[in-house]
């Protein structure tokens, strides 16, 4: 699963452009939702990992949130 993602991204490395103006025109005409679509496709490719990744991300978020609050001195204080 991960090998497919890694090799797919390596095969899409930018190539040397012979006509920079044409490349710029093509980049402008690409859909603005292309990055969102690429993110969604990568997320769907990792669907088998969701039961592991989602709790891990929630735990990392909570731990980081608590550390930031402690660093600011906001542990149990109300303003």
C-alpha atoms as a PDB file:
ATOM      1  CA  UNK A   1       0.000   0.000   0.000  1.00  0.00           C
ATOM      2  CA  UNK A   2       2.652   2.541   1.015  1.00  0.00           C
ATOM      3  CA  UNK A   3       4.964   1.358  -1.743  1.00  0.00           C
ATOM      4  CA  UNK A   4       2.288   2.306  -4.296  1.00  0.00           C
ATOM      5  CA  UNK A   5       2.068   5.833  -2.892  1.00  0.00           C
ATOM      6  CA  UNK A   6       5.828   6.320  -2.701  1.00  0.00           C
ATOM      7  CA  UNK A   7       6.590   4.995  -6.189  1.00  0.00           C
ATOM      8  CA  UNK A   8       3.665   6.939  -7.629  1.00  0.00           C
ATOM      9  CA  UNK A   9       4.956  10.216  -6.250  1.00  0.00           C
ATOM     10  CA  UNK A  10       8.510   9.481  -7.428  1.00  0.00           C
ATOM     11  CA  UNK A  11       7.323   8.841 -10.977  1.00  0.00           C
ATOM     12  CA  UNK A  12       5.584  12.242 -11.027  1.00  0.00           C
ATOM     13  CA  UNK A  13       8.712  14.292 -10.391  1.00  0.00           C
ATOM     14  CA  UNK A  14       8.907  17.494 -12.435  1.00  0.00           C
ATOM     15  CA  UNK A  15      10.692  17.229 -15.752  1.00  0.00           C
ATOM     16  CA  UNK A  16      12.767  19.873 -17.508  1.00  0.00           C
ATOM     17  CA  UNK A  17      10.517  22.263 -19.386  1.00  0.00           C
ATOM     18  CA  UNK A  18      11.415  23.267 -22.914  1.00  0.00           C
ATOM     19  CA  UNK A  19       8.780  26.021 -23.088  1.00  0.00           C
ATOM     20  CA  UNK A  20       8.352  27.758 -19.716  1.00  0.00           C
ATOM     21  CA  UNK A  21       5.518  29.958 -21.005  1.00  0.00           C
ATOM     22  CA  UNK A  22       3.429  26.919 -22.006  1.00  0.00           C
ATOM     23  CA  UNK A  23       4.126  25.297 -18.647  1.00  0.00           C
ATOM     24  CA  UNK A  24       2.968  28.450 -16.864  1.00  0.00           C
ATOM     25  CA  UNK A  25      -0.220  28.601 -18.943  1.00  0.00           C
ATOM     26  CA  UNK A  26      -0.936  24.959 -18.156  1.00  0.00           C
ATOM     27  CA  UNK A  27      -0.354  25.547 -14.431  1.00  0.00           C
ATOM     28  CA  UNK A  28      -2.817  28.448 -14.477  1.00  0.00           C
ATOM     29  CA  UNK A  29      -5.518  26.405 -16.202  1.00  0.00           C
ATOM     30  CA  UNK A  30      -5.272  23.466 -13.782  1.00  0.00           C
ATOM     31  CA  UNK A  31      -8.258  23.148 -11.501  1.00  0.00           C
ATOM     32  CA  UNK A  32      -7.866  24.925  -8.151  1.00  0.00           C
ATOM     33  CA  UNK A  33      -9.215  21.773  -6.502  1.00  0.00           C
ATOM     34  CA  UNK A  34      -6.327  19.625  -7.781  1.00  0.00           C
ATOM     35  CA  UNK A  35      -4.419  19.721  -4.453  1.00  0.00           C
ATOM     36  CA  UNK A  36      -7.584  18.787  -2.565  1.00  0.00           C
ATOM     37  CA  UNK A  37      -8.225  15.938  -4.986  1.00  0.00           C
ATOM     38  CA  UNK A  38      -4.656  14.655  -4.608  1.00  0.00           C
ATOM     39  CA  UNK A  39      -4.983  14.824  -0.815  1.00  0.00           C
ATOM     40  CA  UNK A  40      -8.274  12.908  -0.928  1.00  0.00           C
ATOM     41  CA  UNK A  41      -6.789  10.205  -3.180  1.00  0.00           C
ATOM     42  CA  UNK A  42      -3.807   9.778  -0.846  1.00  0.00           C
ATOM     43  CA  UNK A  43      -6.162   9.618   2.125  1.00  0.00           C
ATOM     44  CA  UNK A  44      -8.285   6.946   0.437  1.00  0.00           C
ATOM     45  CA  UNK A  45      -5.149   4.940  -0.362  1.00  0.00           C
ATOM     46  CA  UNK A  46      -4.427   4.787   3.380  1.00  0.00           C
ATOM     47  CA  UNK A  47      -7.968   3.711   4.256  1.00  0.00           C
ATOM     48  CA  UNK A  48      -6.760   0.379   5.664  1.00  0.00           C
ATOM     49  CA  UNK A  49      -4.599   2.308   8.142  1.00  0.00           C
ATOM     50  CA  UNK A  50      -7.397   4.555   9.454  1.00  0.00           C
ATOM     51  CA  UNK A  51      -8.122   2.414  12.570  1.00  0.00           C
ATOM     52  CA  UNK A  52      -4.501   2.984  13.609  1.00  0.00           C
ATOM     53  CA  UNK A  53      -3.865   6.494  12.283  1.00  0.00           C
ATOM     54  CA  UNK A  54      -6.980   8.272  13.529  1.00  0.00           C
ATOM     55  CA  UNK A  55      -6.542   7.369  17.228  1.00  0.00           C
ATOM     56  CA  UNK A  56      -2.817   8.098  16.912  1.00  0.00           C
ATOM     57  CA  UNK A  57      -3.496  11.540  15.443  1.00  0.00           C
ATOM     58  CA  UNK A  58      -6.097  12.264  18.128  1.00  0.00           C
ATOM     59  CA  UNK A  59      -3.616  11.269  20.845  1.00  0.00           C
ATOM     60  CA  UNK A  60      -0.833  13.404  19.336  1.00  0.00           C
ATOM     61  CA  UNK A  61      -3.240  16.343  19.035  1.00  0.00           C
ATOM     62  CA  UNK A  62      -4.360  16.037  22.665  1.00  0.00           C
ATOM     63  CA  UNK A  63      -0.808  15.688  23.987  1.00  0.00           C
ATOM     64  CA  UNK A  64       0.397  18.704  21.981  1.00  0.00           C
ATOM     65  CA  UNK A  65      -2.625  20.732  23.042  1.00  0.00           C
ATOM     66  CA  UNK A  66      -1.959  19.983  26.714  1.00  0.00           C
ATOM     67  CA  UNK A  67       1.729  20.878  26.360  1.00  0.00           C
ATOM     68  CA  UNK A  68       0.890  24.205  24.723  1.00  0.00           C
ATOM     69  CA  UNK A  69      -1.628  25.041  27.439  1.00  0.00           C
ATOM     70  CA  UNK A  70       0.909  24.151  30.138  1.00  0.00           C
ATOM     71  CA  UNK A  71       3.548  26.299  28.436  1.00  0.00           C
ATOM     72  CA  UNK A  72       1.141  29.243  28.484  1.00  0.00           C
ATOM     73  CA  UNK A  73       0.166  28.585  32.096  1.00  0.00           C
ATOM     74  CA  UNK A  74      -3.494  27.972  31.240  1.00  0.00           C
ATOM     75  CA  UNK A  75      -3.847  24.521  32.784  1.00  0.00           C
ATOM     76  CA  UNK A  76      -6.948  25.069  34.970  1.00  0.00           C
ATOM     77  CA  UNK A  77      -7.321  28.821  35.092  1.00  0.00           C
ATOM     78  CA  UNK A  78     -10.233  30.814  33.732  1.00  0.00           C
ATOM     79  CA  UNK A  79      -9.777  34.427  32.686  1.00  0.00           C
END
